[in-house]
Amino acid sequence: MQINTKQDHTAVVVVDIQADFTQAMQGSLAVGDADREYLNAAETQTRRLKALGYPIYATQDWHPANHISFFSNHDNAKPYDVIEIEGRQQVLWPPHCVQDTANARILMDESLFTAIVKKGMDPAFDSYSGFFDDGKKETGLADILKNAGIKKLIIYGLATDYCVKATVMDAIMLGFDVTLIKDLCRGVTPESTAAALEEMKAAGVDIC
């Protein structure tokens, strides 16, 4: 997709393009096609959108080492086990995006961003969405955008079927118009990515 003119009241949200989610950096939760070519394309397009005048925001997974989603913090657990915690299902992931570690860093020039919103900092709750954690605690992104007069969002990043989808669906729920740039996203599996795209399209997201 080529966006060639600035749209009023529109901002860009780049979701979780971090080392631990990329094949290029051999991250602990690497998305298979998130290779160097993908990273270069994402940064090139982000720079282009910035040059057009769009404010650019980023989300960043930023977990404490004792986070509930890490399998290593549960006895006799394995990566990708699903357990129940206080009535909700929790996928147990390999430790990833641990605060102040190299693999938690965003793989773009941070000067591109008007703000970086960290998520997943509460050790008791996972946080796929850039807007809320699983306990419905706000990250602050919605207030930042609304205070800036933003009504429309262009969203892309990692991973299509997890944090991108959750961010997009919450943005719709909050009343934003959303465009998803599919080519600047990568998903975990083809099946779950296709399902996520269908769910977002059904919710009224403009996918291009």
N, C-alpha and C. Protein backbone atom coordinates (compact mmCIF):
# COMPACT_ATOMS: atom_id res chain seq x y z
N MET A 1 0.85 -1.20 0.00
CA MET A 1 0.00 0.00 0.00
C MET A 1 0.88 1.24 0.00
N GLN A 2 0.49 2.21 -0.80
CA GLN A 2 1.20 3.48 -0.81
C GLN A 2 0.28 4.59 -0.31
N ILE A 3 0.62 5.19 0.81
CA ILE A 3 -0.10 6.35 1.32
C ILE A 3 0.74 7.56 0.96
N ASN A 4 0.21 8.39 0.09
CA ASN A 4 1.04 9.44 -0.49
C ASN A 4 0.70 10.84 -0.01
N THR A 5 -0.38 10.97 0.73
CA THR A 5 -0.73 12.29 1.26
C THR A 5 -1.12 12.16 2.72
N LYS A 6 -0.92 13.22 3.45
CA LYS A 6 -1.28 13.25 4.86
C LYS A 6 -2.79 13.31 5.01
N GLN A 7 -3.32 12.43 5.85
CA GLN A 7 -4.75 12.43 6.18
C GLN A 7 -4.93 13.09 7.54
N ASP A 8 -5.90 14.01 7.62
CA ASP A 8 -6.12 14.73 8.86
C ASP A 8 -6.53 13.78 9.99
N HIS A 9 -6.10 14.12 11.20
CA HIS A 9 -6.49 13.40 12.42
C HIS A 9 -6.10 11.93 12.37
N THR A 10 -5.01 11.64 11.66
CA THR A 10 -4.56 10.26 11.49
C THR A 10 -3.15 10.09 12.05
N ALA A 11 -2.94 8.97 12.73
CA ALA A 11 -1.62 8.63 13.26
C ALA A 11 -1.27 7.20 12.89
N VAL A 12 0.00 6.88 13.01
CA VAL A 12 0.51 5.54 12.77
C VAL A 12 0.86 4.89 14.10
N VAL A 13 0.49 3.62 14.25
CA VAL A 13 0.90 2.84 15.43
C VAL A 13 1.68 1.62 14.94
N VAL A 14 2.94 1.54 15.34
CA VAL A 14 3.83 0.43 14.99
C VAL A 14 3.86 -0.51 16.19
N VAL A 15 3.41 -1.74 15.98
CA VAL A 15 3.21 -2.68 17.08
C VAL A 15 4.41 -3.63 17.25
N ASP A 16 5.10 -3.50 18.35
CA ASP A 16 6.02 -4.52 18.87
C ASP A 16 7.07 -5.02 17.88
N ILE A 17 7.65 -4.14 17.09
CA ILE A 17 8.76 -4.58 16.23
C ILE A 17 10.02 -4.57 17.09
N GLN A 18 10.18 -5.67 17.82
CA GLN A 18 11.23 -5.83 18.82
C GLN A 18 12.06 -7.06 18.52
N ALA A 19 13.26 -7.07 19.04
CA ALA A 19 14.22 -8.12 18.69
C ALA A 19 13.70 -9.52 19.00
N ASP A 20 13.06 -9.72 20.15
CA ASP A 20 12.62 -11.06 20.52
C ASP A 20 11.53 -11.62 19.62
N PHE A 21 10.88 -10.77 18.82
CA PHE A 21 9.82 -11.23 17.93
C PHE A 21 10.30 -11.42 16.50
N THR A 22 11.62 -11.29 16.26
CA THR A 22 12.11 -11.31 14.89
C THR A 22 13.09 -12.44 14.63
N GLN A 23 12.91 -13.06 13.48
CA GLN A 23 13.85 -14.07 13.02
C GLN A 23 15.23 -13.45 12.79
N ALA A 24 15.24 -12.21 12.34
CA ALA A 24 16.51 -11.55 12.03
C ALA A 24 17.43 -11.49 13.24
N MET A 25 16.84 -11.37 14.45
CA MET A 25 17.64 -11.27 15.67
C MET A 25 17.61 -12.57 16.48
N GLN A 26 17.09 -13.64 15.87
CA GLN A 26 16.99 -14.94 16.54
C GLN A 26 16.32 -14.81 17.90
N GLY A 27 15.21 -14.09 17.91
CA GLY A 27 14.50 -13.84 19.14
C GLY A 27 13.85 -15.08 19.72
N SER A 28 13.55 -15.05 21.01
CA SER A 28 13.00 -16.22 21.70
C SER A 28 11.57 -16.52 21.25
N LEU A 29 10.88 -15.52 20.70
CA LEU A 29 9.53 -15.70 20.16
C LEU A 29 9.49 -15.19 18.71
N ALA A 30 10.46 -15.60 17.95
CA ALA A 30 10.63 -15.06 16.60
C ALA A 30 9.48 -15.47 15.68
N VAL A 31 8.95 -14.50 14.96
CA VAL A 31 7.99 -14.74 13.90
C VAL A 31 8.79 -15.10 12.64
N GLY A 32 8.43 -16.21 12.03
CA GLY A 32 9.26 -16.81 10.99
C GLY A 32 9.67 -15.88 9.86
N ASP A 33 8.75 -15.08 9.36
CA ASP A 33 9.06 -14.22 8.22
C ASP A 33 9.51 -12.81 8.62
N ALA A 34 9.72 -12.61 9.90
CA ALA A 34 10.20 -11.29 10.35
C ALA A 34 11.72 -11.25 10.23
N ASP A 35 12.15 -11.23 8.98
CA ASP A 35 13.57 -11.29 8.67
C ASP A 35 14.11 -9.89 8.41
N ARG A 36 15.35 -9.82 7.98
CA ARG A 36 15.99 -8.51 7.76
C ARG A 36 15.27 -7.73 6.66
N GLU A 37 14.81 -8.42 5.63
CA GLU A 37 14.07 -7.74 4.56
C GLU A 37 12.80 -7.08 5.11
N TYR A 38 12.10 -7.80 5.97
CA TYR A 38 10.90 -7.23 6.59
C TYR A 38 11.24 -6.01 7.42
N LEU A 39 12.27 -6.10 8.24
CA LEU A 39 12.65 -4.97 9.10
C LEU A 39 13.02 -3.75 8.28
N ASN A 40 13.75 -3.98 7.19
CA ASN A 40 14.12 -2.85 6.33
C ASN A 40 12.89 -2.20 5.71
N ALA A 41 11.94 -3.03 5.25
CA ALA A 41 10.73 -2.49 4.65
C ALA A 41 9.91 -1.71 5.67
N ALA A 42 9.79 -2.23 6.88
CA ALA A 42 9.01 -1.56 7.92
C ALA A 42 9.64 -0.21 8.27
N GLU A 43 10.96 -0.18 8.39
CA GLU A 43 11.59 1.09 8.75
C GLU A 43 11.50 2.08 7.58
N THR A 44 11.69 1.60 6.35
CA THR A 44 11.60 2.49 5.19
C THR A 44 10.22 3.14 5.11
N GLN A 45 9.18 2.34 5.28
CA GLN A 45 7.83 2.88 5.20
C GLN A 45 7.49 3.78 6.38
N THR A 46 8.01 3.45 7.54
CA THR A 46 7.79 4.31 8.71
C THR A 46 8.45 5.67 8.50
N ARG A 47 9.65 5.66 7.94
CA ARG A 47 10.32 6.94 7.64
C ARG A 47 9.53 7.74 6.60
N ARG A 48 8.97 7.05 5.62
CA ARG A 48 8.20 7.73 4.58
C ARG A 48 6.94 8.35 5.17
N LEU A 49 6.25 7.62 6.02
CA LEU A 49 5.04 8.15 6.66
C LEU A 49 5.37 9.32 7.58
N LYS A 50 6.50 9.23 8.26
CA LYS A 50 6.94 10.34 9.10
C LYS A 50 7.21 11.58 8.24
N ALA A 51 7.84 11.38 7.10
CA ALA A 51 8.16 12.50 6.20
C ALA A 51 6.90 13.13 5.63
N LEU A 52 5.82 12.35 5.51
CA LEU A 52 4.55 12.89 5.04
C LEU A 52 3.84 13.71 6.11
N GLY A 53 4.32 13.61 7.33
CA GLY A 53 3.76 14.42 8.40
C GLY A 53 2.94 13.67 9.43
N TYR A 54 2.90 12.35 9.31
CA TYR A 54 2.13 11.57 10.29
C TYR A 54 2.87 11.48 11.62
N PRO A 55 2.16 11.65 12.75
CA PRO A 55 2.77 11.28 14.03
C PRO A 55 2.86 9.77 14.11
N ILE A 56 3.98 9.28 14.58
CA ILE A 56 4.23 7.84 14.66
C ILE A 56 4.35 7.44 16.13
N TYR A 57 3.56 6.45 16.52
CA TYR A 57 3.62 5.91 17.87
C TYR A 57 4.04 4.45 17.80
N ALA A 58 4.64 3.96 18.87
CA ALA A 58 5.05 2.56 18.92
C ALA A 58 4.57 1.93 20.21
N THR A 59 4.27 0.63 20.14
CA THR A 59 4.07 -0.14 21.36
C THR A 59 5.28 -1.03 21.58
N GLN A 60 5.54 -1.32 22.85
CA GLN A 60 6.74 -2.09 23.21
C GLN A 60 6.41 -3.04 24.36
N ASP A 61 6.48 -4.34 24.09
CA ASP A 61 6.37 -5.32 25.16
C ASP A 61 7.51 -5.08 26.14
N TRP A 62 7.20 -5.05 27.44
CA TRP A 62 8.21 -4.63 28.42
C TRP A 62 7.93 -5.37 29.74
N HIS A 63 8.29 -6.66 29.72
CA HIS A 63 7.90 -7.53 30.84
C HIS A 63 8.94 -7.54 31.96
N PRO A 64 8.48 -7.61 33.21
CA PRO A 64 9.39 -7.92 34.31
C PRO A 64 9.80 -9.40 34.22
N ALA A 65 10.93 -9.73 34.83
CA ALA A 65 11.44 -11.10 34.72
C ALA A 65 10.51 -12.12 35.36
N ASN A 66 9.68 -11.68 36.30
CA ASN A 66 8.77 -12.60 36.99
C ASN A 66 7.38 -12.63 36.35
N HIS A 67 7.29 -12.31 35.07
CA HIS A 67 5.98 -12.20 34.43
C HIS A 67 5.26 -13.54 34.38
N ILE A 68 3.94 -13.45 34.57
CA ILE A 68 3.09 -14.65 34.67
C ILE A 68 3.07 -15.46 33.38
N SER A 69 3.35 -14.83 32.24
CA SER A 69 3.27 -15.53 30.96
C SER A 69 4.50 -16.36 30.65
N PHE A 70 5.55 -16.27 31.44
CA PHE A 70 6.78 -17.01 31.16
C PHE A 70 6.67 -18.42 31.73
N PHE A 71 6.85 -19.43 30.90
CA PHE A 71 6.72 -20.81 31.37
C PHE A 71 7.70 -21.09 32.50
N SER A 72 8.84 -20.42 32.46
CA SER A 72 9.89 -20.66 33.45
C SER A 72 9.51 -20.20 34.85
N ASN A 73 8.41 -19.45 34.96
CA ASN A 73 7.94 -19.01 36.27
C ASN A 73 6.85 -19.92 36.84
N HIS A 74 6.65 -21.10 36.20
CA HIS A 74 5.65 -22.06 36.66
C HIS A 74 6.31 -23.43 36.78
N ASP A 75 6.02 -24.13 37.87
CA ASP A 75 6.60 -25.46 38.09
C ASP A 75 6.09 -26.44 37.04
N ASN A 76 7.01 -27.25 36.54
CA ASN A 76 6.68 -28.35 35.63
C ASN A 76 5.95 -27.90 34.36
N ALA A 77 6.20 -26.68 33.93
CA ALA A 77 5.55 -26.16 32.73
C ALA A 77 6.50 -26.17 31.55
N LYS A 78 5.92 -26.22 30.36
CA LYS A 78 6.69 -26.19 29.12
C LYS A 78 6.23 -25.00 28.28
N PRO A 79 7.10 -24.53 27.38
CA PRO A 79 6.67 -23.47 26.49
C PRO A 79 5.41 -23.85 25.72
N TYR A 80 4.48 -22.92 25.63
CA TYR A 80 3.23 -23.02 24.88
C TYR A 80 2.16 -23.86 25.58
N ASP A 81 2.43 -24.32 26.81
CA ASP A 81 1.36 -24.87 27.62
C ASP A 81 0.29 -23.80 27.81
N VAL A 82 -0.95 -24.22 27.99
CA VAL A 82 -2.05 -23.31 28.31
C VAL A 82 -2.60 -23.70 29.67
N ILE A 83 -2.59 -22.77 30.60
CA ILE A 83 -3.08 -23.03 31.94
C ILE A 83 -4.21 -22.06 32.25
N GLU A 84 -4.92 -22.33 33.34
CA GLU A 84 -5.98 -21.43 33.77
C GLU A 84 -5.51 -20.69 35.02
N ILE A 85 -5.66 -19.38 34.99
CA ILE A 85 -5.29 -18.54 36.12
C ILE A 85 -6.47 -17.63 36.44
N GLU A 86 -7.05 -17.82 37.59
CA GLU A 86 -8.17 -16.98 38.04
C GLU A 86 -9.27 -16.89 36.98
N GLY A 87 -9.59 -18.03 36.39
CA GLY A 87 -10.69 -18.09 35.45
C GLY A 87 -10.38 -17.69 34.03
N ARG A 88 -9.13 -17.37 33.74
CA ARG A 88 -8.77 -17.01 32.37
C ARG A 88 -7.65 -17.92 31.89
N GLN A 89 -7.65 -18.16 30.58
CA GLN A 89 -6.61 -19.00 30.00
C GLN A 89 -5.35 -18.18 29.75
N GLN A 90 -4.22 -18.78 30.06
CA GLN A 90 -2.94 -18.12 29.87
C GLN A 90 -2.01 -19.03 29.10
N VAL A 91 -1.56 -18.56 27.94
CA VAL A 91 -0.51 -19.26 27.20
C VAL A 91 0.81 -18.98 27.90
N LEU A 92 1.61 -20.02 28.07
CA LEU A 92 2.92 -19.85 28.69
C LEU A 92 3.98 -19.77 27.60
N TRP A 93 4.62 -18.61 27.52
CA TRP A 93 5.58 -18.31 26.46
C TRP A 93 7.01 -18.45 26.98
N PRO A 94 7.96 -18.65 26.09
CA PRO A 94 9.36 -18.49 26.50
C PRO A 94 9.58 -17.05 27.01
N PRO A 95 10.46 -16.85 27.97
CA PRO A 95 10.74 -15.48 28.41
C PRO A 95 11.11 -14.61 27.21
N HIS A 96 10.53 -13.41 27.17
CA HIS A 96 10.76 -12.53 26.02
C HIS A 96 10.56 -11.08 26.43
N CYS A 97 11.23 -10.20 25.72
CA CYS A 97 11.07 -8.75 25.91
C CYS A 97 11.17 -8.37 27.39
N VAL A 98 12.16 -8.92 28.06
CA VAL A 98 12.37 -8.61 29.47
C VAL A 98 12.94 -7.20 29.60
N GLN A 99 12.38 -6.45 30.51
CA GLN A 99 12.76 -5.04 30.69
C GLN A 99 14.28 -4.86 30.75
N ASP A 100 14.75 -3.85 30.02
CA ASP A 100 16.16 -3.44 30.04
C ASP A 100 17.12 -4.48 29.47
N THR A 101 16.60 -5.39 28.64
CA THR A 101 17.48 -6.33 27.95
C THR A 101 17.56 -5.96 26.48
N ALA A 102 18.61 -6.41 25.82
CA ALA A 102 18.83 -6.06 24.42
C ALA A 102 17.69 -6.54 23.53
N ASN A 103 17.13 -7.71 23.84
CA ASN A 103 16.10 -8.26 22.96
C ASN A 103 14.72 -7.64 23.17
N ALA A 104 14.60 -6.73 24.12
CA ALA A 104 13.35 -5.98 24.28
C ALA A 104 13.35 -4.71 23.44
N ARG A 105 14.48 -4.39 22.83
CA ARG A 105 14.59 -3.10 22.14
C ARG A 105 13.76 -3.09 20.85
N ILE A 106 13.28 -1.91 20.50
CA ILE A 106 12.59 -1.70 19.23
C ILE A 106 13.65 -1.59 18.13
N LEU A 107 13.41 -2.30 17.04
CA LEU A 107 14.41 -2.37 15.97
C LEU A 107 14.17 -1.29 14.92
N MET A 108 14.04 -0.08 15.40
CA MET A 108 13.90 1.10 14.54
C MET A 108 14.52 2.27 15.27
N ASP A 109 14.82 3.28 14.51
CA ASP A 109 15.32 4.52 15.08
C ASP A 109 14.22 5.12 15.97
N GLU A 110 14.46 5.17 17.27
CA GLU A 110 13.40 5.61 18.19
C GLU A 110 13.08 7.09 18.03
N SER A 111 13.93 7.84 17.34
CA SER A 111 13.62 9.26 17.12
C SER A 111 12.45 9.42 16.14
N LEU A 112 12.04 8.33 15.47
CA LEU A 112 10.88 8.39 14.58
C LEU A 112 9.58 8.54 15.35
N PHE A 113 9.58 8.18 16.62
CA PHE A 113 8.34 8.04 17.36
C PHE A 113 8.01 9.27 18.20
N THR A 114 6.76 9.69 18.10
CA THR A 114 6.25 10.74 18.97
C THR A 114 6.20 10.24 20.40
N ALA A 115 5.83 8.98 20.58
CA ALA A 115 5.82 8.35 21.91
C ALA A 115 5.94 6.85 21.74
N ILE A 116 6.55 6.21 22.73
CA ILE A 116 6.61 4.75 22.81
C ILE A 116 5.83 4.34 24.04
N VAL A 117 4.81 3.51 23.83
CA VAL A 117 3.95 3.08 24.94
C VAL A 117 4.33 1.65 25.32
N LYS A 118 4.78 1.49 26.55
CA LYS A 118 5.18 0.17 27.04
C LYS A 118 3.96 -0.59 27.55
N LYS A 119 4.00 -1.90 27.40
CA LYS A 119 2.88 -2.75 27.83
C LYS A 119 3.40 -4.04 28.44
N GLY A 120 2.52 -4.71 29.20
CA GLY A 120 2.92 -5.98 29.81
C GLY A 120 3.81 -5.81 31.02
N MET A 121 3.73 -4.67 31.68
CA MET A 121 4.62 -4.41 32.82
C MET A 121 4.09 -4.98 34.13
N ASP A 122 2.78 -5.24 34.20
CA ASP A 122 2.20 -5.86 35.40
C ASP A 122 2.52 -7.35 35.36
N PRO A 123 3.23 -7.88 36.36
CA PRO A 123 3.62 -9.30 36.31
C PRO A 123 2.44 -10.26 36.34
N ALA A 124 1.26 -9.78 36.73
CA ALA A 124 0.10 -10.67 36.89
C ALA A 124 -0.76 -10.79 35.64
N PHE A 125 -0.49 -9.96 34.61
CA PHE A 125 -1.36 -9.97 33.44
C PHE A 125 -0.55 -9.88 32.15
N ASP A 126 -0.96 -10.68 31.16
CA ASP A 126 -0.40 -10.54 29.83
C ASP A 126 -0.97 -9.29 29.18
N SER A 127 -0.36 -8.87 28.08
CA SER A 127 -0.82 -7.64 27.42
C SER A 127 -0.51 -7.72 25.94
N TYR A 128 -1.44 -8.27 25.19
CA TYR A 128 -1.28 -8.34 23.74
C TYR A 128 -1.60 -6.99 23.10
N SER A 129 -2.68 -6.38 23.54
CA SER A 129 -3.12 -5.11 22.97
C SER A 129 -2.23 -3.96 23.40
N GLY A 130 -2.10 -2.99 22.50
CA GLY A 130 -1.39 -1.77 22.86
C GLY A 130 -2.20 -0.83 23.73
N PHE A 131 -3.49 -1.15 23.94
CA PHE A 131 -4.37 -0.27 24.70
C PHE A 131 -4.66 -0.75 26.12
N PHE A 132 -4.81 -2.07 26.30
CA PHE A 132 -5.17 -2.62 27.61
C PHE A 132 -4.39 -3.91 27.84
N ASP A 133 -4.12 -4.22 29.12
CA ASP A 133 -3.62 -5.55 29.42
C ASP A 133 -4.81 -6.48 29.66
N ASP A 134 -4.55 -7.74 29.95
CA ASP A 134 -5.63 -8.72 30.11
C ASP A 134 -6.46 -8.48 31.35
N GLY A 135 -6.00 -7.63 32.23
CA GLY A 135 -6.79 -7.21 33.39
C GLY A 135 -7.57 -5.94 33.13
N LYS A 136 -7.54 -5.47 31.87
CA LYS A 136 -8.24 -4.27 31.41
C LYS A 136 -7.65 -2.96 31.96
N LYS A 137 -6.43 -3.04 32.43
CA LYS A 137 -5.72 -1.82 32.82
C LYS A 137 -5.21 -1.12 31.57
N GLU A 138 -5.44 0.19 31.48
CA GLU A 138 -5.05 0.94 30.30
C GLU A 138 -3.54 1.17 30.26
N THR A 139 -3.00 1.15 29.05
CA THR A 139 -1.58 1.45 28.87
C THR A 139 -1.30 2.95 28.78
N GLY A 140 -2.36 3.71 28.47
CA GLY A 140 -2.20 5.15 28.26
C GLY A 140 -2.22 5.55 26.80
N LEU A 141 -2.17 4.57 25.89
CA LEU A 141 -2.13 4.89 24.46
C LEU A 141 -3.40 5.60 24.01
N ALA A 142 -4.55 5.16 24.46
CA ALA A 142 -5.81 5.79 24.04
C ALA A 142 -5.84 7.26 24.42
N ASP A 143 -5.43 7.58 25.63
CA ASP A 143 -5.44 8.98 26.08
C ASP A 143 -4.46 9.81 25.26
N ILE A 144 -3.29 9.25 24.97
CA ILE A 144 -2.30 9.97 24.18
C ILE A 144 -2.87 10.33 22.81
N LEU A 145 -3.50 9.36 22.18
CA LEU A 145 -4.05 9.59 20.83
C LEU A 145 -5.22 10.56 20.86
N LYS A 146 -6.12 10.38 21.80
CA LYS A 146 -7.30 11.25 21.85
C LYS A 146 -6.91 12.68 22.22
N ASN A 147 -5.93 12.83 23.11
CA ASN A 147 -5.47 14.17 23.47
C ASN A 147 -4.79 14.87 22.30
N ALA A 148 -4.29 14.08 21.34
CA ALA A 148 -3.67 14.64 20.14
C ALA A 148 -4.68 14.85 19.02
N GLY A 149 -5.94 14.58 19.28
CA GLY A 149 -6.98 14.77 18.27
C GLY A 149 -7.03 13.70 17.20
N ILE A 150 -6.45 12.53 17.50
CA ILE A 150 -6.39 11.45 16.53
C ILE A 150 -7.71 10.70 16.48
N LYS A 151 -8.20 10.48 15.26
CA LYS A 151 -9.44 9.72 15.05
C LYS A 151 -9.25 8.49 14.18
N LYS A 152 -8.17 8.49 13.41
CA LYS A 152 -7.91 7.38 12.49
C LYS A 152 -6.50 6.85 12.75
N LEU A 153 -6.36 5.53 12.61
CA LEU A 153 -5.07 4.90 12.86
C LEU A 153 -4.65 4.04 11.67
N ILE A 154 -3.37 4.11 11.35
CA ILE A 154 -2.72 3.19 10.43
C ILE A 154 -1.85 2.29 11.29
N ILE A 155 -2.11 0.98 11.25
CA ILE A 155 -1.45 0.05 12.17
C ILE A 155 -0.73 -1.04 11.39
N TYR A 156 0.46 -1.41 11.89
CA TYR A 156 1.20 -2.56 11.36
C TYR A 156 2.24 -2.99 12.38
N GLY A 157 2.79 -4.20 12.19
CA GLY A 157 3.82 -4.68 13.11
C GLY A 157 3.72 -6.17 13.35
N LEU A 158 4.07 -6.58 14.57
CA LEU A 158 4.17 -7.99 14.95
C LEU A 158 3.34 -8.30 16.19
N ALA A 159 2.71 -9.43 16.24
CA ALA A 159 2.46 -10.34 15.13
C ALA A 159 1.00 -10.17 14.72
N THR A 160 0.71 -10.40 13.44
CA THR A 160 -0.62 -10.17 12.90
C THR A 160 -1.70 -10.82 13.75
N ASP A 161 -1.47 -12.07 14.15
CA ASP A 161 -2.49 -12.89 14.80
C ASP A 161 -2.50 -12.77 16.32
N TYR A 162 -1.64 -11.94 16.87
CA TYR A 162 -1.62 -11.75 18.33
C TYR A 162 -1.70 -10.26 18.67
N CYS A 163 -0.56 -9.62 18.82
CA CYS A 163 -0.59 -8.24 19.33
C CYS A 163 -1.16 -7.24 18.34
N VAL A 164 -0.93 -7.47 17.05
CA VAL A 164 -1.53 -6.56 16.05
C VAL A 164 -3.04 -6.68 16.09
N LYS A 165 -3.55 -7.91 16.04
CA LYS A 165 -5.00 -8.10 16.07
C LYS A 165 -5.61 -7.51 17.34
N ALA A 166 -5.01 -7.79 18.48
CA ALA A 166 -5.56 -7.29 19.74
C ALA A 166 -5.58 -5.76 19.77
N THR A 167 -4.52 -5.14 19.26
CA THR A 167 -4.45 -3.68 19.21
C THR A 167 -5.49 -3.12 18.27
N VAL A 168 -5.63 -3.73 17.10
CA VAL A 168 -6.62 -3.28 16.12
C VAL A 168 -8.03 -3.41 16.67
N MET A 169 -8.35 -4.54 17.27
CA MET A 169 -9.71 -4.76 17.75
C MET A 169 -10.06 -3.80 18.90
N ASP A 170 -9.10 -3.52 19.76
CA ASP A 170 -9.36 -2.54 20.81
C ASP A 170 -9.49 -1.13 20.25
N ALA A 171 -8.71 -0.82 19.21
CA ALA A 171 -8.83 0.49 18.58
C ALA A 171 -10.24 0.68 18.00
N ILE A 172 -10.76 -0.35 17.36
CA ILE A 172 -12.13 -0.29 16.83
C ILE A 172 -13.13 -0.11 17.96
N MET A 173 -12.95 -0.87 19.03
CA MET A 173 -13.85 -0.78 20.17
C MET A 173 -13.84 0.62 20.79
N LEU A 174 -12.69 1.28 20.73
CA LEU A 174 -12.54 2.62 21.29
C LEU A 174 -13.03 3.72 20.35
N GLY A 175 -13.44 3.34 19.14
CA GLY A 175 -14.03 4.31 18.23
C GLY A 175 -13.11 4.87 17.17
N PHE A 176 -11.89 4.34 17.05
CA PHE A 176 -10.98 4.77 15.99
C PHE A 176 -11.33 4.07 14.67
N ASP A 177 -11.15 4.78 13.57
CA ASP A 177 -11.14 4.14 12.26
C ASP A 177 -9.75 3.56 12.04
N VAL A 178 -9.68 2.34 11.52
CA VAL A 178 -8.39 1.66 11.44
C VAL A 178 -8.11 1.15 10.03
N THR A 179 -6.91 1.44 9.56
CA THR A 179 -6.36 0.83 8.36
C THR A 179 -5.18 -0.05 8.77
N LEU A 180 -5.21 -1.29 8.35
CA LEU A 180 -4.11 -2.23 8.61
C LEU A 180 -3.31 -2.39 7.32
N ILE A 181 -2.01 -2.16 7.41
CA ILE A 181 -1.13 -2.40 6.26
C ILE A 181 -0.60 -3.83 6.37
N LYS A 182 -1.25 -4.73 5.65
CA LYS A 182 -0.98 -6.17 5.78
C LYS A 182 0.46 -6.51 5.43
N ASP A 183 1.02 -5.86 4.41
CA ASP A 183 2.36 -6.20 3.96
C ASP A 183 3.44 -5.80 4.96
N LEU A 184 3.09 -4.95 5.92
CA LEU A 184 4.05 -4.56 6.96
C LEU A 184 3.79 -5.29 8.27
N CYS A 185 3.03 -6.39 8.18
CA CYS A 185 2.79 -7.28 9.32
C CYS A 185 3.35 -8.67 8.99
N ARG A 186 3.62 -9.42 10.03
CA ARG A 186 3.97 -10.83 9.89
C ARG A 186 3.25 -11.59 10.98
N GLY A 187 2.75 -12.82 10.62
CA GLY A 187 2.00 -13.62 11.57
C GLY A 187 2.74 -14.87 11.98
N VAL A 188 2.22 -15.51 13.03
CA VAL A 188 2.88 -16.69 13.59
C VAL A 188 2.64 -17.91 12.71
N THR A 189 1.38 -18.17 12.32
CA THR A 189 1.08 -19.28 11.41
C THR A 189 0.17 -18.77 10.30
N PRO A 190 0.22 -19.39 9.13
CA PRO A 190 -0.68 -18.97 8.05
C PRO A 190 -2.15 -19.07 8.43
N GLU A 191 -2.51 -20.14 9.15
CA GLU A 191 -3.91 -20.36 9.50
C GLU A 191 -4.41 -19.30 10.48
N SER A 192 -3.67 -19.05 11.53
CA SER A 192 -4.12 -18.07 12.53
C SER A 192 -4.04 -16.65 11.97
N THR A 193 -3.11 -16.41 11.07
CA THR A 193 -3.02 -15.10 10.44
C THR A 193 -4.22 -14.84 9.54
N ALA A 194 -4.59 -15.85 8.74
CA ALA A 194 -5.77 -15.70 7.88
C ALA A 194 -7.03 -15.47 8.70
N ALA A 195 -7.16 -16.20 9.80
CA ALA A 195 -8.33 -16.03 10.67
C ALA A 195 -8.35 -14.64 11.29
N ALA A 196 -7.18 -14.16 11.69
CA ALA A 196 -7.10 -12.83 12.29
C ALA A 196 -7.49 -11.75 11.29
N LEU A 197 -7.02 -11.89 10.07
CA LEU A 197 -7.35 -10.92 9.02
C LEU A 197 -8.86 -10.91 8.75
N GLU A 198 -9.48 -12.08 8.73
CA GLU A 198 -10.92 -12.16 8.52
C GLU A 198 -11.68 -11.51 9.67
N GLU A 199 -11.22 -11.75 10.90
CA GLU A 199 -11.87 -11.16 12.07
C GLU A 199 -11.76 -9.63 12.04
N MET A 200 -10.60 -9.13 11.68
CA MET A 200 -10.43 -7.68 11.62
C MET A 200 -11.26 -7.08 10.50
N LYS A 201 -11.29 -7.74 9.35
CA LYS A 201 -12.10 -7.24 8.23
C LYS A 201 -13.57 -7.19 8.61
N ALA A 202 -14.04 -8.23 9.30
CA ALA A 202 -15.45 -8.28 9.71
C ALA A 202 -15.78 -7.17 10.71
N ALA A 203 -14.77 -6.71 11.44
CA ALA A 203 -14.98 -5.63 12.41
C ALA A 203 -14.96 -4.24 11.78
N GLY A 204 -14.71 -4.19 10.47
CA GLY A 204 -14.73 -2.92 9.78
C GLY A 204 -13.37 -2.31 9.51
N VAL A 205 -12.32 -3.11 9.70
CA VAL A 205 -10.97 -2.61 9.45
C VAL A 205 -10.70 -2.59 7.95
N ASP A 206 -10.08 -1.52 7.49
CA ASP A 206 -9.66 -1.41 6.09
C ASP A 206 -8.31 -2.08 5.96
N ILE A 207 -8.27 -3.21 5.30
CA ILE A 207 -7.03 -3.99 5.17
C ILE A 207 -6.47 -3.81 3.76
N CYS A 208 -5.24 -3.37 3.69
CA CYS A 208 -4.67 -3.11 2.37
C CYS A 208 -3.19 -3.46 2.37
